């Protein structure tokens, strides 16, 4: 799909409330990770953010530079309505691969799994994440830990080894292990990862 087709696809999902990934709050793995963040001025990007409860949570903790990116305007509008003082200039409607910016931290939450699971798409994701991060920047989040089959539908999964094949050329692995505090429906099916941008 091109950008216009993707925008239409995801907007229709929101209109139809076909958003099974949306749990309605920032999940515990992220809440725990956020407790360790000290610099409230760091530049943070949440791509494919959807209703972005993570952005709302960070905003309430006082973080000043949280940027939310989604190809559909609907979830961005939803966040703005829920959190009226969230900076409007930090709500970005755009295709992830067309976005330009420099960030200290990028958060991954059900975004990787939204792409058709081709080698081309997954390599492009890893390369784009590398480009968006500053030196010493980190990619942090959750990846589904279940195989992709021929009849798989979104959310598309993968294995730890497969993800590392895509990410290790660009990132040093700080941690990438089964997530112990996933929400109950996903327990045992998620990996929590922290990846540090490699110096080149």
C-alpha atoms as a PDB file:
ATOM      1  CA  UNK A   1       0.000   0.000   0.000  1.00  0.00           C
ATOM      2  CA  UNK A   2       1.119   3.566  -0.592  1.00  0.00           C
ATOM      3  CA  UNK A   3       0.723   6.273   2.050  1.00  0.00           C
ATOM      4  CA  UNK A   4      -2.785   7.317   0.980  1.00  0.00           C
ATOM      5  CA  UNK A   5      -4.013   3.733   0.993  1.00  0.00           C
ATOM      6  CA  UNK A   6      -2.454   3.136   4.405  1.00  0.00           C
ATOM      7  CA  UNK A   7      -4.040   6.291   5.799  1.00  0.00           C
ATOM      8  CA  UNK A   8      -7.445   5.163   4.535  1.00  0.00           C
ATOM      9  CA  UNK A   9      -6.954   1.638   5.881  1.00  0.00           C
ATOM     10  CA  UNK A  10      -6.021   2.726   9.405  1.00  0.00           C
ATOM     11  CA  UNK A  11      -8.617   5.502   9.548  1.00  0.00           C
ATOM     12  CA  UNK A  12     -11.293   2.950   8.673  1.00  0.00           C
ATOM     13  CA  UNK A  13     -10.016   0.691  11.461  1.00  0.00           C
ATOM     14  CA  UNK A  14     -10.513   3.549  13.930  1.00  0.00           C
ATOM     15  CA  UNK A  15     -13.936   4.450  12.533  1.00  0.00           C
ATOM     16  CA  UNK A  16     -15.035   0.834  12.868  1.00  0.00           C
ATOM     17  CA  UNK A  17     -13.443   0.625  16.342  1.00  0.00           C
ATOM     18  CA  UNK A  18     -11.496  -2.357  15.027  1.00  0.00           C
ATOM     19  CA  UNK A  19      -8.598  -1.661  17.393  1.00  0.00           C
ATOM     20  CA  UNK A  20      -7.902  -4.840  19.319  1.00  0.00           C
ATOM     21  CA  UNK A  21      -4.396  -3.660  20.181  1.00  0.00           C
ATOM     22  CA  UNK A  22      -5.782  -0.713  22.175  1.00  0.00           C
ATOM     23  CA  UNK A  23      -5.890  -1.561  25.892  1.00  0.00           C
ATOM     24  CA  UNK A  24      -6.875   1.932  27.043  1.00  0.00           C
ATOM     25  CA  UNK A  25      -3.832   2.805  29.149  1.00  0.00           C
ATOM     26  CA  UNK A  26      -0.040   2.716  29.188  1.00  0.00           C
ATOM     27  CA  UNK A  27       0.833  -0.891  29.984  1.00  0.00           C
ATOM     28  CA  UNK A  28       2.964  -1.876  32.956  1.00  0.00           C
ATOM     29  CA  UNK A  29       6.188  -2.610  31.007  1.00  0.00           C
ATOM     30  CA  UNK A  30       6.220   0.994  29.814  1.00  0.00           C
ATOM     31  CA  UNK A  31       5.156   2.458  33.135  1.00  0.00           C
ATOM     32  CA  UNK A  32       8.039   0.607  34.815  1.00  0.00           C
ATOM     33  CA  UNK A  33      10.508   1.757  32.160  1.00  0.00           C
ATOM     34  CA  UNK A  34       9.342   5.375  32.431  1.00  0.00           C
ATOM     35  CA  UNK A  35      10.165   5.375  36.155  1.00  0.00           C
ATOM     36  CA  UNK A  36      13.845   5.111  35.229  1.00  0.00           C
ATOM     37  CA  UNK A  37      13.852   8.084  32.858  1.00  0.00           C
ATOM     38  CA  UNK A  38      15.427  11.146  34.468  1.00  0.00           C
ATOM     39  CA  UNK A  39      15.678  13.736  31.675  1.00  0.00           C
ATOM     40  CA  UNK A  40      12.217  15.212  31.128  1.00  0.00           C
ATOM     41  CA  UNK A  41      13.561  17.273  28.227  1.00  0.00           C
ATOM     42  CA  UNK A  42      14.770  14.391  26.078  1.00  0.00           C
ATOM     43  CA  UNK A  43      13.264  14.085  22.610  1.00  0.00           C
ATOM     44  CA  UNK A  44      10.921  11.095  22.465  1.00  0.00           C
ATOM     45  CA  UNK A  45       9.083   9.703  19.442  1.00  0.00           C
ATOM     46  CA  UNK A  46       6.190   7.243  19.510  1.00  0.00           C
ATOM     47  CA  UNK A  47       5.582   6.119  15.912  1.00  0.00           C
ATOM     48  CA  UNK A  48       2.398   4.374  14.822  1.00  0.00           C
ATOM     49  CA  UNK A  49       1.191   5.628  18.160  1.00  0.00           C
ATOM     50  CA  UNK A  50      -2.542   5.115  17.834  1.00  0.00           C
ATOM     51  CA  UNK A  51      -4.346   6.599  20.824  1.00  0.00           C
ATOM     52  CA  UNK A  52      -0.957   6.800  22.516  1.00  0.00           C
ATOM     53  CA  UNK A  53      -1.633   6.299  26.181  1.00  0.00           C
ATOM     54  CA  UNK A  54       2.155   6.154  26.586  1.00  0.00           C
ATOM     55  CA  UNK A  55       2.394   9.763  25.403  1.00  0.00           C
ATOM     56  CA  UNK A  56      -0.393  10.766  27.771  1.00  0.00           C
ATOM     57  CA  UNK A  57       1.369   9.034  30.669  1.00  0.00           C
ATOM     58  CA  UNK A  58       4.709  10.702  29.903  1.00  0.00           C
ATOM     59  CA  UNK A  59       3.030  14.085  29.554  1.00  0.00           C
ATOM     60  CA  UNK A  60       1.465  13.715  32.984  1.00  0.00           C
ATOM     61  CA  UNK A  61       4.906  12.845  34.368  1.00  0.00           C
ATOM     62  CA  UNK A  62       6.178  16.189  33.068  1.00  0.00           C
ATOM     63  CA  UNK A  63       8.065  15.146  29.935  1.00  0.00           C
ATOM     64  CA  UNK A  64       8.269  18.144  27.605  1.00  0.00           C
ATOM     65  CA  UNK A  65       9.259  16.749  24.218  1.00  0.00           C
ATOM     66  CA  UNK A  66       7.076  13.739  23.491  1.00  0.00           C
ATOM     67  CA  UNK A  67       6.219  13.484  19.789  1.00  0.00           C
ATOM     68  CA  UNK A  68       3.368  11.305  18.554  1.00  0.00           C
ATOM     69  CA  UNK A  69       3.308  10.101  14.961  1.00  0.00           C
ATOM     70  CA  UNK A  70       0.483   8.295  13.199  1.00  0.00           C
ATOM     71  CA  UNK A  71      -0.604   8.005   9.580  1.00  0.00           C
ATOM     72  CA  UNK A  72      -4.232   8.587  10.587  1.00  0.00           C
ATOM     73  CA  UNK A  73      -5.478  11.835  12.062  1.00  0.00           C
ATOM     74  CA  UNK A  74      -8.183  10.156  14.154  1.00  0.00           C
ATOM     75  CA  UNK A  75      -6.044   8.854  17.041  1.00  0.00           C
ATOM     76  CA  UNK A  76      -4.112  12.127  17.143  1.00  0.00           C
ATOM     77  CA  UNK A  77      -7.408  13.965  17.550  1.00  0.00           C
ATOM     78  CA  UNK A  78      -8.390  11.528  20.282  1.00  0.00           C
ATOM     79  CA  UNK A  79      -5.191  12.226  22.231  1.00  0.00           C
ATOM     80  CA  UNK A  80      -5.684  15.972  21.840  1.00  0.00           C
ATOM     81  CA  UNK A  81      -9.229  15.704  23.196  1.00  0.00           C
ATOM     82  CA  UNK A  82      -8.141  13.582  26.169  1.00  0.00           C
ATOM     83  CA  UNK A  83      -5.134  15.786  26.954  1.00  0.00           C
ATOM     84  CA  UNK A  84      -5.997  19.322  25.804  1.00  0.00           C
ATOM     85  CA  UNK A  85      -2.662  20.775  26.919  1.00  0.00           C
ATOM     86  CA  UNK A  86      -0.594  18.256  24.944  1.00  0.00           C
ATOM     87  CA  UNK A  87       1.439  20.368  22.469  1.00  0.00           C
ATOM     88  CA  UNK A  88      -0.380  20.403  19.126  1.00  0.00           C
ATOM     89  CA  UNK A  89       2.929  20.780  17.287  1.00  0.00           C
ATOM     90  CA  UNK A  90       3.987  17.401  18.706  1.00  0.00           C
ATOM     91  CA  UNK A  91       1.070  15.611  17.007  1.00  0.00           C
ATOM     92  CA  UNK A  92       2.362  14.482  13.625  1.00  0.00           C
ATOM     93  CA  UNK A  93       0.191  12.947  10.927  1.00  0.00           C
ATOM     94  CA  UNK A  94       2.660  11.326   8.544  1.00  0.00           C
ATOM     95  CA  UNK A  95       3.958   8.099   7.082  1.00  0.00           C
ATOM     96  CA  UNK A  96       6.711   6.844   9.384  1.00  0.00           C
ATOM     97  CA  UNK A  97       9.117   6.311   6.489  1.00  0.00           C
ATOM     98  CA  UNK A  98       8.689   9.908   5.349  1.00  0.00           C
ATOM     99  CA  UNK A  99       9.312  11.400   8.782  1.00  0.00           C
ATOM    100  CA  UNK A 100      12.455  13.400   9.491  1.00  0.00           C
ATOM    101  CA  UNK A 101      13.686  14.112  12.976  1.00  0.00           C
ATOM    102  CA  UNK A 102      16.285  13.417  15.658  1.00  0.00           C
ATOM    103  CA  UNK A 103      15.306  11.675  18.865  1.00  0.00           C
ATOM    104  CA  UNK A 104      16.927  10.406  22.021  1.00  0.00           C
ATOM    105  CA  UNK A 105      14.343   7.684  22.519  1.00  0.00           C
ATOM    106  CA  UNK A 106      11.873   5.897  20.243  1.00  0.00           C
ATOM    107  CA  UNK A 107       9.138   3.772  21.804  1.00  0.00           C
ATOM    108  CA  UNK A 108       7.854   0.648  20.048  1.00  0.00           C
ATOM    109  CA  UNK A 109       4.347  -0.505  20.925  1.00  0.00           C
ATOM    110  CA  UNK A 110       2.443  -2.703  18.424  1.00  0.00           C
ATOM    111  CA  UNK A 111       3.983  -0.735  15.527  1.00  0.00           C
ATOM    112  CA  UNK A 112       6.461  -3.208  14.054  1.00  0.00           C
ATOM    113  CA  UNK A 113       3.735  -5.846  13.989  1.00  0.00           C
ATOM    114  CA  UNK A 114       1.465  -3.617  11.884  1.00  0.00           C
ATOM    115  CA  UNK A 115       3.620  -3.934   8.736  1.00  0.00           C
ATOM    116  CA  UNK A 116       3.210  -6.718   6.218  1.00  0.00           C
ATOM    117  CA  UNK A 117       5.955  -9.093   7.441  1.00  0.00           C
ATOM    118  CA  UNK A 118       8.262  -8.952   4.442  1.00  0.00           C
ATOM    119  CA  UNK A 119      12.046  -8.840   4.676  1.00  0.00           C
ATOM    120  CA  UNK A 120      11.988  -5.518   2.813  1.00  0.00           C
ATOM    121  CA  UNK A 121       9.571  -3.910   5.289  1.00  0.00           C
ATOM    122  CA  UNK A 122      11.385  -5.181   8.359  1.00  0.00           C
ATOM    123  CA  UNK A 123      14.814  -4.132   7.136  1.00  0.00           C
ATOM    124  CA  UNK A 124      13.401  -0.709   6.278  1.00  0.00           C
ATOM    125  CA  UNK A 125      11.955  -0.405   9.802  1.00  0.00           C
ATOM    126  CA  UNK A 126      15.328  -1.139  11.424  1.00  0.00           C
ATOM    127  CA  UNK A 127      17.185   1.254   9.137  1.00  0.00           C
ATOM    128  CA  UNK A 128      14.655   4.054   9.665  1.00  0.00           C
ATOM    129  CA  UNK A 129      14.785   3.651  13.439  1.00  0.00           C
ATOM    130  CA  UNK A 130      18.566   3.964  13.266  1.00  0.00           C
ATOM    131  CA  UNK A 131      18.303   7.144  11.177  1.00  0.00           C
ATOM    132  CA  UNK A 132      15.814   8.778  13.538  1.00  0.00           C
ATOM    133  CA  UNK A 133      17.919   8.277  16.660  1.00  0.00           C
ATOM    134  CA  UNK A 134      20.661  10.572  17.900  1.00  0.00           C
ATOM    135  CA  UNK A 135      24.043   9.151  18.824  1.00  0.00           C
ATOM    136  CA  UNK A 136      23.519   6.937  21.871  1.00  0.00           C
ATOM    137  CA  UNK A 137      19.772   7.008  21.216  1.00  0.00           C
ATOM    138  CA  UNK A 138      17.644   4.041  22.236  1.00  0.00           C
ATOM    139  CA  UNK A 139      14.823   2.033  20.711  1.00  0.00           C
ATOM    140  CA  UNK A 140      12.708   0.577  23.516  1.00  0.00           C
ATOM    141  CA  UNK A 141       9.527  -1.429  23.573  1.00  0.00           C
ATOM    142  CA  UNK A 142       7.570  -4.591  23.046  1.00  0.00           C
ATOM    143  CA  UNK A 143       7.604  -7.071  20.177  1.00  0.00           C
ATOM    144  CA  UNK A 144       5.150  -9.950  19.762  1.00  0.00           C
ATOM    145  CA  UNK A 145       6.780 -13.333  20.277  1.00  0.00           C
ATOM    146  CA  UNK A 146       4.778 -15.667  18.078  1.00  0.00           C
ATOM    147  CA  UNK A 147       5.444 -17.059  14.601  1.00  0.00           C
ATOM    148  CA  UNK A 148       4.170 -15.595  11.354  1.00  0.00           C
ATOM    149  CA  UNK A 149       2.171 -18.158   9.389  1.00  0.00           C
ATOM    150  CA  UNK A 150       0.845 -18.075   5.841  1.00  0.00           C
ATOM    151  CA  UNK A 151      -2.613 -17.046   7.061  1.00  0.00           C
ATOM    152  CA  UNK A 152      -1.431 -14.567   9.691  1.00  0.00           C
ATOM    153  CA  UNK A 153      -3.235 -11.272  10.104  1.00  0.00           C
ATOM    154  CA  UNK A 154      -2.251  -8.142  11.994  1.00  0.00           C
ATOM    155  CA  UNK A 155      -0.654  -8.060  14.479  1.00  0.00           C
ATOM    156  CA  UNK A 156       2.141  -9.918  12.712  1.00  0.00           C
ATOM    157  CA  UNK A 157       4.672 -11.514  15.004  1.00  0.00           C
ATOM    158  CA  UNK A 158       8.079 -13.073  14.782  1.00  0.00           C
ATOM    159  CA  UNK A 159      10.756 -14.695  16.881  1.00  0.00           C
ATOM    160  CA  UNK A 160      13.535 -13.247  18.989  1.00  0.00           C
ATOM    161  CA  UNK A 161      16.144 -14.507  16.537  1.00  0.00           C
ATOM    162  CA  UNK A 162      14.326 -13.017  13.571  1.00  0.00           C
ATOM    163  CA  UNK A 163      14.007  -9.611  15.213  1.00  0.00           C
ATOM    164  CA  UNK A 164      17.689  -9.645  16.114  1.00  0.00           C
ATOM    165  CA  UNK A 165      18.601 -10.400  12.510  1.00  0.00           C
ATOM    166  CA  UNK A 166      17.007  -7.092  11.539  1.00  0.00           C
ATOM    167  CA  UNK A 167      18.050  -4.984  14.519  1.00  0.00           C
ATOM    168  CA  UNK A 168      21.593  -6.107  15.386  1.00  0.00           C
ATOM    169  CA  UNK A 169      23.209  -4.522  12.299  1.00  0.00           C
ATOM    170  CA  UNK A 170      22.078  -1.153  13.677  1.00  0.00           C
ATOM    171  CA  UNK A 171      21.808  -1.581  17.438  1.00  0.00           C
ATOM    172  CA  UNK A 172      23.620  -3.014  20.420  1.00  0.00           C
ATOM    173  CA  UNK A 173      21.292  -5.156  22.504  1.00  0.00           C
ATOM    174  CA  UNK A 174      20.969  -3.924  26.086  1.00  0.00           C
ATOM    175  CA  UNK A 175      18.206  -6.412  26.867  1.00  0.00           C
ATOM    176  CA  UNK A 176      15.736  -8.445  24.828  1.00  0.00           C
ATOM    177  CA  UNK A 177      13.886 -10.999  26.895  1.00  0.00           C
ATOM    178  CA  UNK A 178      10.388 -12.380  27.503  1.00  0.00           C
ATOM    179  CA  UNK A 179       8.285  -9.708  29.160  1.00  0.00           C
ATOM    180  CA  UNK A 180       7.359 -10.713  32.716  1.00  0.00           C
ATOM    181  CA  UNK A 181       4.736  -8.000  33.270  1.00  0.00           C
ATOM    182  CA  UNK A 182       2.702  -8.075  30.049  1.00  0.00           C
ATOM    183  CA  UNK A 183      -1.036  -7.610  30.225  1.00  0.00           C
ATOM    184  CA  UNK A 184      -2.727 -10.952  30.875  1.00  0.00           C
ATOM    185  CA  UNK A 185      -3.884 -11.676  27.272  1.00  0.00           C
ATOM    186  CA  UNK A 186      -0.314 -11.179  26.002  1.00  0.00           C
ATOM    187  CA  UNK A 187       1.589 -12.854  28.829  1.00  0.00           C
ATOM    188  CA  UNK A 188       4.163 -15.191  27.350  1.00  0.00           C
ATOM    189  CA  UNK A 189       3.763 -13.662  23.901  1.00  0.00           C
ATOM    190  CA  UNK A 190       5.842 -10.488  24.215  1.00  0.00           C
ATOM    191  CA  UNK A 191       9.508  -9.591  24.299  1.00  0.00           C
ATOM    192  CA  UNK A 192      10.712  -6.430  26.023  1.00  0.00           C
ATOM    193  CA  UNK A 193      13.738  -4.862  24.383  1.00  0.00           C
ATOM    194  CA  UNK A 194      16.161  -1.999  24.870  1.00  0.00           C
ATOM    195  CA  UNK A 195      18.442  -1.345  21.905  1.00  0.00           C
ATOM    196  CA  UNK A 196      21.251   1.227  21.807  1.00  0.00           C
ATOM    197  CA  UNK A 197      22.154   2.830  18.497  1.00  0.00           C
ATOM    198  CA  UNK A 198      25.525   1.624  17.237  1.00  0.00           C
ATOM    199  CA  UNK A 199      28.293   4.059  16.447  1.00  0.00           C
ATOM    200  CA  UNK A 200      29.423   3.923  12.839  1.00  0.00           C
END
